N, C-alpha and C. Protein backbone atom coordinates (compact mmCIF):
# COMPACT_ATOMS: atom_id res chain seq x y z
N UNK A 1 -2.63 -62.26 -12.24
CA UNK A 1 -2.82 -60.97 -12.53
C UNK A 1 -1.38 -60.54 -12.99
N UNK A 2 -0.60 -60.48 -14.38
CA UNK A 2 0.47 -59.99 -14.81
C UNK A 2 1.09 -58.51 -13.71
N UNK A 3 1.75 -58.18 -13.32
CA UNK A 3 2.69 -57.47 -13.23
C UNK A 3 2.05 -56.11 -14.17
N UNK A 4 2.39 -54.79 -13.24
CA UNK A 4 1.88 -53.65 -14.16
C UNK A 4 0.74 -53.64 -15.41
N UNK A 5 -0.02 -54.72 -14.61
CA UNK A 5 -1.71 -54.65 -15.48
C UNK A 5 -2.64 -53.85 -14.80
N UNK A 6 -2.70 -53.32 -12.98
CA UNK A 6 -3.10 -52.96 -12.77
C UNK A 6 -3.01 -51.52 -12.78
N UNK A 7 -5.01 -51.53 -12.92
CA UNK A 7 -5.27 -49.87 -13.21
C UNK A 7 -5.85 -48.97 -11.86
N UNK A 8 -6.09 -49.91 -10.63
CA UNK A 8 -7.29 -49.53 -9.45
C UNK A 8 -6.45 -49.91 -8.19
N UNK A 9 -5.93 -49.32 -7.47
CA UNK A 9 -5.96 -49.41 -6.47
C UNK A 9 -6.68 -48.76 -5.14
N UNK A 10 -7.42 -49.97 -4.64
CA UNK A 10 -8.24 -49.20 -3.70
C UNK A 10 -8.50 -49.42 -2.59
N UNK A 11 -8.12 -48.40 -1.52
CA UNK A 11 -8.05 -49.01 -0.25
C UNK A 11 -9.56 -48.76 0.46
N UNK A 12 -9.18 -50.08 1.48
CA UNK A 12 -10.73 -49.89 2.54
C UNK A 12 -10.66 -49.97 4.09
N UNK A 13 -11.15 -49.13 4.38
CA UNK A 13 -11.01 -49.47 5.88
C UNK A 13 -11.96 -48.34 6.97
N UNK A 14 -11.92 -48.45 8.07
CA UNK A 14 -12.24 -47.33 9.21
C UNK A 14 -11.06 -47.11 10.20
N UNK A 15 -10.71 -45.66 10.00
CA UNK A 15 -9.81 -45.20 10.55
C UNK A 15 -9.55 -45.77 11.96
N UNK A 16 -10.89 -45.60 12.31
CA UNK A 16 -11.11 -45.27 14.25
C UNK A 16 -11.32 -46.54 14.36
N UNK A 17 -11.11 -47.82 13.97
CA UNK A 17 -11.23 -49.13 14.58
C UNK A 17 -9.87 -49.44 14.87
N UNK A 18 -8.42 -49.34 14.80
CA UNK A 18 -7.49 -49.35 15.02
C UNK A 18 -6.54 -50.11 13.66
N UNK A 19 -6.51 -51.71 13.54
CA UNK A 19 -6.15 -52.33 12.44
C UNK A 19 -6.71 -52.03 11.37
N UNK A 20 -8.11 -51.69 11.35
CA UNK A 20 -9.12 -51.90 10.09
C UNK A 20 -8.41 -50.83 9.60
N UNK A 21 -7.57 -49.64 9.81
CA UNK A 21 -7.36 -48.83 8.99
C UNK A 21 -6.00 -48.97 8.21
N UNK A 22 -5.51 -50.57 8.59
CA UNK A 22 -4.05 -50.91 7.20
C UNK A 22 -4.03 -50.57 5.83
N UNK A 23 -5.87 -51.02 5.27
CA UNK A 23 -5.47 -49.84 4.02
C UNK A 23 -5.01 -48.83 3.67
N UNK A 24 -5.71 -47.93 4.59
CA UNK A 24 -5.82 -46.83 4.05
C UNK A 24 -4.40 -46.71 4.57
N UNK A 25 -3.35 -47.02 5.36
CA UNK A 25 -2.28 -46.23 5.75
C UNK A 25 -1.60 -46.65 4.72
N UNK A 26 -1.36 -48.21 4.31
CA UNK A 26 -0.94 -48.80 2.49
C UNK A 26 -0.84 -48.29 1.76
N UNK A 27 -2.18 -47.26 1.02
CA UNK A 27 -2.26 -46.38 0.58
C UNK A 27 -1.63 -45.42 0.36
N UNK A 28 -1.62 -44.71 1.80
CA UNK A 28 -0.99 -43.61 1.90
C UNK A 28 0.65 -44.00 1.80
N UNK A 29 1.41 -45.12 1.73
CA UNK A 29 2.48 -45.51 1.76
C UNK A 29 3.09 -45.57 0.22
N UNK A 30 1.93 -45.70 -0.30
CA UNK A 30 2.55 -46.57 -2.03
C UNK A 30 3.08 -44.98 -3.20
N UNK A 31 4.32 -45.42 -3.55
CA UNK A 31 4.78 -44.70 -4.44
C UNK A 31 3.83 -44.52 -5.81
N UNK A 32 3.39 -43.82 -6.25
CA UNK A 32 2.02 -43.51 -7.58
C UNK A 32 2.87 -43.79 -9.05
N UNK A 33 2.55 -44.62 -9.23
CA UNK A 33 3.08 -45.28 -11.03
C UNK A 33 1.92 -45.05 -12.17
N UNK A 34 1.98 -44.15 -13.17
CA UNK A 34 1.27 -43.60 -14.06
C UNK A 34 0.13 -44.70 -14.42
N UNK A 35 -0.62 -44.32 -14.79
CA UNK A 35 -1.95 -45.45 -15.54
C UNK A 35 -2.81 -45.73 -14.46
N UNK A 36 -2.42 -46.05 -12.85
CA UNK A 36 -2.64 -46.54 -11.73
C UNK A 36 -4.05 -45.52 -11.21
N UNK A 37 -5.02 -45.39 -10.66
CA UNK A 37 -5.63 -44.66 -9.97
C UNK A 37 -5.58 -45.19 -8.66
N UNK A 38 -5.79 -43.97 -7.83
CA UNK A 38 -5.43 -44.93 -6.15
C UNK A 38 -6.46 -44.07 -5.59
N UNK A 39 -7.23 -44.86 -5.02
CA UNK A 39 -8.52 -43.91 -4.01
C UNK A 39 -8.70 -44.89 -2.73
N UNK A 40 -8.78 -43.33 -2.22
CA UNK A 40 -9.25 -43.93 -0.45
C UNK A 40 -10.51 -44.34 -0.37
N UNK A 41 -11.11 -45.91 -0.32
CA UNK A 41 -12.41 -45.69 -0.78
C UNK A 41 -13.14 -46.06 0.71
N UNK A 42 -12.04 -45.68 2.42
CA UNK A 42 -12.69 -45.80 3.32
C UNK A 42 -13.57 -47.00 3.48
N UNK A 43 -14.86 -46.53 4.13
CA UNK A 43 -16.27 -47.32 4.66
C UNK A 43 -17.34 -46.41 3.21
N UNK A 44 -17.35 -46.05 2.50
CA UNK A 44 -18.19 -46.14 1.43
C UNK A 44 -19.04 -46.89 0.88
N UNK A 45 -18.42 -48.38 0.28
CA UNK A 45 -19.17 -49.50 0.45
C UNK A 45 -20.11 -49.64 -1.32
N UNK A 46 -21.29 -49.39 -1.41
CA UNK A 46 -21.99 -49.15 -2.39
C UNK A 46 -21.57 -47.69 -3.14
N UNK A 47 -21.00 -47.07 -2.76
CA UNK A 47 -20.81 -46.12 -3.54
C UNK A 47 -19.46 -45.65 -4.00
N UNK A 48 -18.63 -46.72 -4.00
CA UNK A 48 -17.52 -46.93 -4.53
C UNK A 48 -18.08 -48.09 -6.42
N UNK A 49 -18.78 -48.20 -6.37
CA UNK A 49 -19.53 -48.76 -7.62
C UNK A 49 -19.13 -48.49 -8.87
N UNK A 50 -19.36 -47.04 -9.31
CA UNK A 50 -18.82 -46.08 -9.99
C UNK A 50 -17.08 -46.64 -10.43
N UNK A 51 -16.27 -46.57 -9.10
CA UNK A 51 -14.55 -46.68 -9.50
C UNK A 51 -14.40 -47.65 -10.29
N UNK A 52 -15.47 -48.95 -10.10
CA UNK A 52 -14.69 -50.51 -10.22
C UNK A 52 -14.89 -50.46 -11.84
N UNK A 53 -15.71 -49.94 -12.16
CA UNK A 53 -16.30 -50.14 -14.05
C UNK A 53 -14.85 -50.20 -14.74
N UNK A 54 -14.81 -50.93 -16.07
CA UNK A 54 -13.83 -50.63 -17.02
C UNK A 54 -12.24 -50.83 -16.63
N UNK A 55 -12.61 -51.56 -15.32
CA UNK A 55 -10.51 -52.06 -14.72
C UNK A 55 -10.61 -53.32 -15.61
N UNK A 56 -8.85 -53.15 -15.73
CA UNK A 56 -8.22 -54.05 -16.40
C UNK A 56 -8.13 -55.25 -14.61
N UNK A 57 -7.17 -54.71 -14.02
CA UNK A 57 -7.39 -55.50 -12.63
C UNK A 57 -7.26 -54.16 -11.80
N UNK A 58 -8.00 -55.03 -10.19
CA UNK A 58 -8.04 -53.63 -8.91
C UNK A 58 -6.99 -54.53 -8.05
N UNK A 59 -6.41 -53.81 -7.00
CA UNK A 59 -5.90 -54.14 -5.99
C UNK A 59 -6.41 -53.65 -4.92
N UNK A 60 -6.95 -54.41 -4.02
CA UNK A 60 -7.64 -53.36 -3.03
C UNK A 60 -6.76 -54.09 -1.23
N UNK A 61 -6.72 -52.78 -1.01
CA UNK A 61 -5.97 -53.18 0.29
C UNK A 61 -6.67 -53.14 1.43
N UNK A 62 -6.70 -53.76 1.86
CA UNK A 62 -7.59 -53.82 3.88
C UNK A 62 -6.78 -54.76 4.61
N UNK A 63 -7.62 -54.96 5.45
CA UNK A 63 -7.15 -55.82 6.81
C UNK A 63 -8.11 -57.33 6.29
N UNK A 64 -7.37 -57.54 6.58
CA UNK A 64 -8.22 -59.35 6.41
C UNK A 64 -7.06 -60.60 7.32
N UNK A 65 -8.72 -60.79 7.79
CA UNK A 65 -8.66 -61.80 9.22
C UNK A 65 -8.74 -63.02 8.94
N UNK A 66 -7.79 -64.02 8.73
CA UNK A 66 -7.55 -65.39 8.22
C UNK A 66 -7.13 -66.53 9.48
N UNK A 67 -6.76 -66.33 10.61
CA UNK A 67 -6.06 -66.42 11.67
C UNK A 67 -5.00 -66.97 11.91
N UNK A 68 -3.78 -66.14 10.61
CA UNK A 68 -2.57 -65.91 11.16
C UNK A 68 -2.00 -64.93 12.15
N UNK A 69 -1.14 -65.33 12.15
CA UNK A 69 -0.15 -64.47 13.25
C UNK A 69 -0.49 -62.75 12.80
N UNK A 70 -0.97 -61.77 13.86
CA UNK A 70 -1.04 -60.76 13.22
C UNK A 70 0.02 -60.31 12.82
N UNK A 71 -0.60 -59.40 12.14
CA UNK A 71 0.92 -58.66 11.13
C UNK A 71 1.22 -59.28 9.86
N UNK A 72 0.95 -60.75 9.51
CA UNK A 72 1.14 -61.30 8.27
C UNK A 72 0.50 -60.30 7.04
N UNK A 73 1.37 -60.55 6.25
CA UNK A 73 0.83 -60.61 4.95
C UNK A 73 0.00 -61.47 4.19
N UNK A 74 -1.05 -61.11 3.40
CA UNK A 74 -1.28 -61.99 2.36
C UNK A 74 -1.53 -61.55 1.30
N UNK A 75 -1.51 -62.35 0.65
CA UNK A 75 -1.82 -61.39 -1.13
C UNK A 75 -3.31 -63.00 -1.31
N UNK A 76 -3.41 -62.38 -1.74
CA UNK A 76 -4.95 -63.07 -2.57
C UNK A 76 -5.95 -62.99 -3.84
N UNK A 77 -4.84 -63.75 -4.30
CA UNK A 77 -5.47 -63.49 -5.94
C UNK A 77 -6.73 -64.12 -6.27
N UNK A 78 -7.59 -64.28 -7.50
CA UNK A 78 -8.52 -64.62 -7.62
C UNK A 78 -9.48 -64.23 -6.60
N UNK A 79 -9.22 -63.21 -5.78
CA UNK A 79 -10.02 -62.49 -4.61
C UNK A 79 -11.66 -62.52 -5.07
N UNK A 80 -12.08 -62.30 -6.32
CA UNK A 80 -13.81 -62.63 -6.61
C UNK A 80 -14.20 -63.75 -6.74
N UNK A 81 -13.40 -64.68 -6.46
CA UNK A 81 -14.16 -66.04 -6.88
C UNK A 81 -13.95 -67.22 -5.51
N UNK A 82 -13.32 -66.25 -4.51
CA UNK A 82 -13.28 -67.12 -3.80
C UNK A 82 -14.65 -66.70 -2.85
N UNK A 83 -14.77 -68.18 -2.16
CA UNK A 83 -16.20 -68.02 -0.06
C UNK A 83 -15.32 -67.09 0.43
N UNK A 84 -15.59 -66.15 1.20
CA UNK A 84 -16.06 -64.98 2.03
C UNK A 84 -15.43 -65.64 3.74
N UNK A 85 -14.12 -65.49 4.47
CA UNK A 85 -14.36 -66.58 5.43
C UNK A 85 -13.85 -65.41 6.70
N UNK A 86 -13.76 -63.63 5.83
CA UNK A 86 -14.10 -63.54 7.38
C UNK A 86 -15.65 -62.55 6.66
N UNK A 87 -16.16 -61.31 7.51
CA UNK A 87 -17.31 -60.46 7.56
C UNK A 87 -16.52 -59.50 6.85
N UNK A 88 -14.60 -58.75 6.53
CA UNK A 88 -14.47 -58.41 6.14
C UNK A 88 -14.18 -58.58 4.41
N UNK A 89 -13.90 -59.34 4.40
CA UNK A 89 -13.80 -59.77 2.82
C UNK A 89 -15.55 -60.17 2.51
N UNK A 90 -16.41 -60.32 3.15
CA UNK A 90 -17.76 -60.31 2.38
C UNK A 90 -18.40 -58.86 2.53
N UNK A 91 -17.73 -58.02 2.89
CA UNK A 91 -18.14 -56.89 2.93
C UNK A 91 -17.44 -56.46 1.14
N UNK A 92 -15.81 -56.84 0.99
CA UNK A 92 -14.87 -56.53 -0.66
C UNK A 92 -16.07 -57.18 -1.73
N UNK A 93 -16.21 -58.45 -1.01
CA UNK A 93 -17.38 -59.23 -2.12
C UNK A 93 -18.38 -59.56 -2.37
N UNK A 94 -19.01 -58.84 -1.97
CA UNK A 94 -20.58 -58.48 -2.06
C UNK A 94 -20.13 -56.83 -2.60
N UNK A 95 -19.67 -56.26 -2.52
CA UNK A 95 -19.56 -55.05 -3.40
C UNK A 95 -18.61 -55.10 -4.60
N UNK A 96 -18.22 -56.63 -5.20
CA UNK A 96 -17.69 -56.72 -6.40
C UNK A 96 -18.43 -57.28 -7.02
N UNK A 97 -19.53 -58.59 -5.91
CA UNK A 97 -20.87 -58.79 -6.28
C UNK A 97 -21.91 -57.96 -7.17
N UNK A 98 -21.88 -57.15 -6.96
CA UNK A 98 -22.97 -56.16 -6.92
C UNK A 98 -22.53 -55.62 -8.06
N UNK A 99 -21.33 -55.20 -8.28
CA UNK A 99 -20.87 -55.10 -9.63
C UNK A 99 -20.52 -55.08 -10.23
N UNK A 100 -20.79 -56.57 -10.36
CA UNK A 100 -20.78 -57.68 -11.66
C UNK A 100 -22.11 -58.04 -12.14
N UNK A 101 -23.16 -57.95 -10.92
CA UNK A 101 -24.64 -58.07 -11.03
C UNK A 101 -25.04 -57.28 -11.63
N UNK A 102 -24.65 -55.48 -11.39
CA UNK A 102 -25.12 -54.43 -12.63
C UNK A 102 -24.48 -54.35 -13.66
N UNK A 103 -23.36 -55.00 -14.13
CA UNK A 103 -22.80 -55.00 -15.25
C UNK A 103 -21.35 -54.32 -15.53
N UNK A 104 -21.09 -53.71 -14.63
CA UNK A 104 -19.94 -53.22 -14.11
C UNK A 104 -18.73 -54.51 -14.58
N UNK A 105 -17.64 -53.95 -15.86
CA UNK A 105 -16.34 -54.37 -15.76
C UNK A 105 -15.37 -54.31 -14.58
N UNK A 106 -15.16 -55.49 -13.65
CA UNK A 106 -14.47 -55.30 -13.23
C UNK A 106 -12.73 -55.70 -13.07
N UNK A 107 -12.48 -56.32 -13.96
CA UNK A 107 -11.38 -57.39 -14.44
C UNK A 107 -11.25 -58.05 -13.25
N UNK A 108 -9.34 -58.76 -13.26
CA UNK A 108 -9.20 -59.56 -12.00
C UNK A 108 -8.96 -58.22 -10.79
N UNK A 109 -9.14 -59.36 -9.68
CA UNK A 109 -9.42 -58.37 -8.31
C UNK A 109 -8.21 -58.87 -7.54
N UNK A 110 -7.35 -58.99 -6.83
CA UNK A 110 -6.17 -59.23 -5.67
C UNK A 110 -6.07 -58.40 -4.65
N UNK A 111 -6.49 -59.03 -3.18
CA UNK A 111 -6.64 -58.56 -2.38
C UNK A 111 -4.88 -58.32 -1.24
N UNK A 112 -4.73 -57.72 -1.27
CA UNK A 112 -3.20 -57.01 -0.60
C UNK A 112 -3.40 -56.97 1.15
N UNK A 113 -3.16 -57.35 2.36
CA UNK A 113 -3.50 -57.24 3.48
C UNK A 113 -2.82 -57.49 4.35
N UNK A 114 -3.21 -57.86 5.33
CA UNK A 114 -2.71 -57.31 6.97
C UNK A 114 -3.26 -58.38 7.87
N UNK A 115 -2.76 -59.32 8.23
CA UNK A 115 -3.51 -59.39 9.06
C UNK A 115 -3.78 -58.89 10.77
N UNK A 116 -4.91 -58.65 10.94
CA UNK A 116 -5.11 -57.77 12.19
C UNK A 116 -4.79 -57.98 13.51
N UNK A 117 -4.50 -57.31 14.35
CA UNK A 117 -4.61 -58.10 15.66
C UNK A 117 -5.19 -57.11 16.91
N UNK A 118 -6.15 -56.29 16.36
CA UNK A 118 -7.02 -55.53 17.39
C UNK A 118 -7.87 -54.88 16.22
N UNK A 119 -8.96 -54.62 15.87
CA UNK A 119 -10.21 -54.52 15.61
C UNK A 119 -11.38 -53.91 16.49
N UNK A 120 -10.93 -52.87 16.96
CA UNK A 120 -11.79 -52.32 18.27
C UNK A 120 -11.60 -51.04 18.18
N UNK A 121 -12.82 -49.68 18.40
CA UNK A 121 -12.19 -48.77 18.70
C UNK A 121 -11.22 -48.22 19.48
N UNK A 122 -10.32 -47.38 18.40
CA UNK A 122 -8.91 -46.66 19.03
C UNK A 122 -8.49 -46.07 17.16
N UNK A 123 -7.87 -45.70 17.57
CA UNK A 123 -6.80 -44.78 17.16
C UNK A 123 -5.63 -45.66 16.64
N UNK A 124 -5.05 -45.80 15.39
CA UNK A 124 -3.30 -46.02 15.35
C UNK A 124 -3.25 -47.53 15.07
N UNK A 125 -2.39 -47.83 14.28
CA UNK A 125 -1.97 -49.70 14.01
C UNK A 125 -1.48 -50.55 15.49
N UNK A 126 -1.84 -51.49 15.48
CA UNK A 126 -0.88 -52.42 16.54
C UNK A 126 0.40 -52.14 16.11
N UNK A 127 1.26 -52.80 16.75
CA UNK A 127 2.81 -52.78 16.27
C UNK A 127 3.37 -53.88 15.59
N UNK A 128 2.18 -54.96 15.65
CA UNK A 128 2.71 -55.89 14.59
C UNK A 128 2.25 -55.37 13.39
N UNK A 129 1.32 -54.45 13.00
CA UNK A 129 0.63 -54.20 11.57
C UNK A 129 1.54 -53.10 11.31
N UNK A 130 1.85 -52.93 11.97
CA UNK A 130 2.61 -51.40 11.78
C UNK A 130 4.20 -51.96 11.46
N UNK A 131 4.60 -53.07 11.45
CA UNK A 131 6.25 -54.00 11.36
C UNK A 131 5.94 -53.97 10.20
N UNK A 132 4.21 -55.07 9.40
CA UNK A 132 4.81 -55.41 8.52
C UNK A 132 3.99 -54.40 7.43
N UNK A 133 3.94 -53.04 7.16
CA UNK A 133 3.61 -52.63 6.63
C UNK A 133 4.39 -51.80 6.02
N UNK A 134 6.31 -52.53 5.20
CA UNK A 134 6.54 -52.20 4.24
C UNK A 134 6.93 -53.82 3.49
N UNK A 135 6.48 -54.72 4.46
CA UNK A 135 6.76 -55.83 3.55
C UNK A 135 5.10 -55.81 2.53
N UNK A 136 3.88 -55.02 3.42
CA UNK A 136 2.56 -55.27 1.98
C UNK A 136 2.59 -54.60 1.11
N UNK A 137 3.79 -53.05 1.26
CA UNK A 137 4.02 -52.26 -0.24
C UNK A 137 4.94 -53.01 -0.54
N UNK A 138 5.90 -53.18 -0.28
CA UNK A 138 6.47 -54.21 -1.71
C UNK A 138 5.89 -54.86 -2.20
N UNK A 139 5.37 -55.63 -1.83
CA UNK A 139 4.32 -56.31 -2.25
C UNK A 139 2.99 -56.23 -3.31
N UNK A 140 2.50 -54.97 -3.46
CA UNK A 140 1.74 -53.91 -3.73
C UNK A 140 2.50 -53.21 -4.89
N UNK A 141 3.70 -52.86 -5.00
CA UNK A 141 4.74 -51.83 -5.81
C UNK A 141 5.24 -52.95 -6.89
N UNK A 142 5.34 -54.68 -6.53
CA UNK A 142 5.12 -55.53 -7.51
C UNK A 142 4.10 -55.59 -8.72
N UNK A 143 2.65 -55.36 -8.19
CA UNK A 143 2.02 -54.98 -8.40
C UNK A 143 1.42 -54.80 -9.66
N UNK A 144 1.40 -53.32 -9.34
CA UNK A 144 1.64 -52.03 -9.84
C UNK A 144 2.39 -51.71 -10.68
N UNK A 145 3.41 -52.00 -11.04
CA UNK A 145 4.87 -51.06 -11.48
C UNK A 145 4.76 -51.91 -12.88
N UNK A 146 5.02 -51.33 -14.02
CA UNK A 146 4.07 -51.28 -15.49
C UNK A 146 5.74 -51.82 -15.87
N UNK A 147 5.35 -53.64 -15.99
CA UNK A 147 5.89 -54.32 -16.65
C UNK A 147 7.17 -53.61 -17.88
N UNK A 148 8.42 -54.07 -17.71
CA UNK A 148 9.55 -54.02 -18.84
C UNK A 148 9.88 -55.21 -19.42
N UNK A 149 10.02 -54.71 -20.73
CA UNK A 149 9.75 -55.73 -21.50
C UNK A 149 11.18 -57.20 -21.34
N UNK A 150 10.75 -58.20 -21.48
CA UNK A 150 12.05 -58.70 -21.27
C UNK A 150 13.10 -59.24 -21.84
N UNK A 151 13.68 -59.35 -21.58
CA UNK A 151 15.37 -59.68 -22.78
C UNK A 151 15.15 -61.49 -23.04
N UNK A 152 14.62 -62.42 -22.56
CA UNK A 152 14.09 -63.16 -22.88
C UNK A 152 13.22 -63.48 -23.73
N UNK A 153 13.72 -64.71 -24.73
CA UNK A 153 12.14 -65.01 -25.36
C UNK A 153 11.10 -65.78 -24.55
N UNK A 154 10.10 -65.64 -25.48
CA UNK A 154 8.97 -66.18 -24.94
C UNK A 154 9.06 -68.03 -24.93
N UNK A 155 8.89 -68.30 -24.05
CA UNK A 155 8.68 -69.62 -23.54
C UNK A 155 7.91 -70.78 -24.62
N UNK A 156 6.96 -69.76 -25.48
CA UNK A 156 5.92 -70.58 -25.94
C UNK A 156 6.21 -70.55 -27.47
N UNK A 157 7.31 -69.87 -27.89
CA UNK A 157 7.50 -69.50 -29.40
C UNK A 157 8.86 -70.35 -29.59
N UNK A 158 9.13 -70.83 -30.82
CA UNK A 158 10.14 -71.89 -30.80
C UNK A 158 11.38 -70.77 -31.24
N UNK A 159 12.66 -71.08 -30.64
CA UNK A 159 13.92 -70.38 -30.86
C UNK A 159 14.37 -70.28 -32.16
N UNK A 160 14.60 -69.19 -33.25
CA UNK A 160 14.79 -68.76 -33.83
C UNK A 160 16.20 -69.61 -34.41
N UNK A 161 16.57 -70.04 -35.62
CA UNK A 161 17.18 -70.55 -36.41
C UNK A 161 18.55 -70.04 -35.87
N UNK A 162 18.83 -69.00 -35.28
CA UNK A 162 20.25 -69.05 -35.74
C UNK A 162 20.61 -68.58 -34.31
N UNK A 163 19.93 -69.07 -33.14
CA UNK A 163 19.89 -68.84 -31.92
C UNK A 163 21.11 -69.75 -31.82
N UNK A 164 21.12 -71.04 -32.11
CA UNK A 164 21.80 -72.30 -32.08
C UNK A 164 22.77 -72.12 -32.36
N UNK A 165 23.43 -71.19 -33.09
CA UNK A 165 24.99 -70.88 -33.60
C UNK A 165 25.18 -70.22 -33.45
N UNK A 166 24.56 -70.08 -32.55
CA UNK A 166 25.46 -68.38 -31.56
C UNK A 166 26.00 -69.04 -30.35
N UNK A 167 24.94 -69.80 -29.58
CA UNK A 167 25.26 -70.17 -28.48
C UNK A 167 25.44 -71.51 -28.67
N UNK A 168 26.65 -71.72 -29.99
CA UNK A 168 27.46 -73.11 -30.23
C UNK A 168 28.64 -72.85 -31.11
N UNK A 169 29.68 -71.53 -30.74
CA UNK A 169 30.26 -71.04 -31.95
C UNK A 169 31.41 -72.15 -31.18
N UNK A 170 32.08 -72.29 -31.88
CA UNK A 170 33.40 -73.15 -31.10
C UNK A 170 34.74 -71.37 -30.23
N UNK A 171 34.95 -72.65 -29.13
CA UNK A 171 35.93 -71.83 -29.31
C UNK A 171 37.28 -71.48 -29.46
N UNK A 172 37.71 -70.03 -29.47
CA UNK A 172 38.61 -69.23 -29.73
C UNK A 172 39.06 -68.10 -29.59
N UNK A 173 39.72 -66.83 -30.26
CA UNK A 173 39.98 -65.98 -30.11
C UNK A 173 38.91 -65.17 -30.40
N UNK A 174 37.76 -64.18 -30.13
CA UNK A 174 37.30 -63.78 -31.02
C UNK A 174 37.34 -62.96 -32.35
N UNK A 175 36.22 -62.78 -33.09
CA UNK A 175 37.14 -62.05 -34.53
C UNK A 175 36.81 -60.66 -34.11
N UNK A 176 37.62 -59.55 -33.70
CA UNK A 176 37.89 -58.45 -33.32
C UNK A 176 37.49 -57.59 -34.47
N UNK A 177 37.87 -57.85 -36.00
CA UNK A 177 37.31 -57.29 -37.59
C UNK A 177 36.00 -57.92 -38.40
N UNK A 178 34.77 -57.02 -37.55
CA UNK A 178 34.20 -58.18 -38.35
C UNK A 178 33.50 -57.89 -40.19
N UNK A 179 34.20 -57.43 -40.67
CA UNK A 179 34.71 -57.27 -41.71
C UNK A 179 35.30 -58.28 -42.33
N UNK A 180 36.33 -58.59 -41.59
CA UNK A 180 37.59 -59.53 -42.89
C UNK A 180 36.62 -61.05 -42.03
N UNK A 181 37.29 -61.74 -43.48
CA UNK A 181 36.84 -62.94 -43.68
C UNK A 181 37.57 -64.10 -43.59
N UNK A 182 37.05 -65.23 -43.08
CA UNK A 182 38.31 -66.27 -42.27
C UNK A 182 38.22 -67.30 -43.48
N UNK A 183 39.31 -66.90 -43.32
CA UNK A 183 39.84 -68.19 -44.99
C UNK A 183 40.15 -69.83 -44.60
């Protein structure tokens, strides 16, 4: 996924299950970019299908339990092509698989998530997850920020013929009068 191609940020999770709410909290903290839709999907499941159609790329914000230390920030690219490793991933992957089976065009999917410390009945994030929020927000911003044109040429195109001459000028005082010809 190239930076700035994201057109949907979808947060999922349950506010009543402690760290499961991290996706919703991340969504609240994100600055908004033009051309990107931000959706609090909560626990809506299949009701989210229409929002996925016609997207170039999607960022899903969620709690992701992969066995790392609580508070670890995960960025999983090519999310739709992976096998589920947790029940949480399975729900998001089932949603995406259902969308594709029904003919929805979902584009690329990347998940930005934080390893939960506790997913149990309760309100509020654990201290480990709370401390990881700024890093997860920063990673998401990089994915969503519009691309700026690069000042460097495309590495797949040949160097224009005048560039080597510009790079290998003989050392000496600069010619301050561009209209004066050297003799």
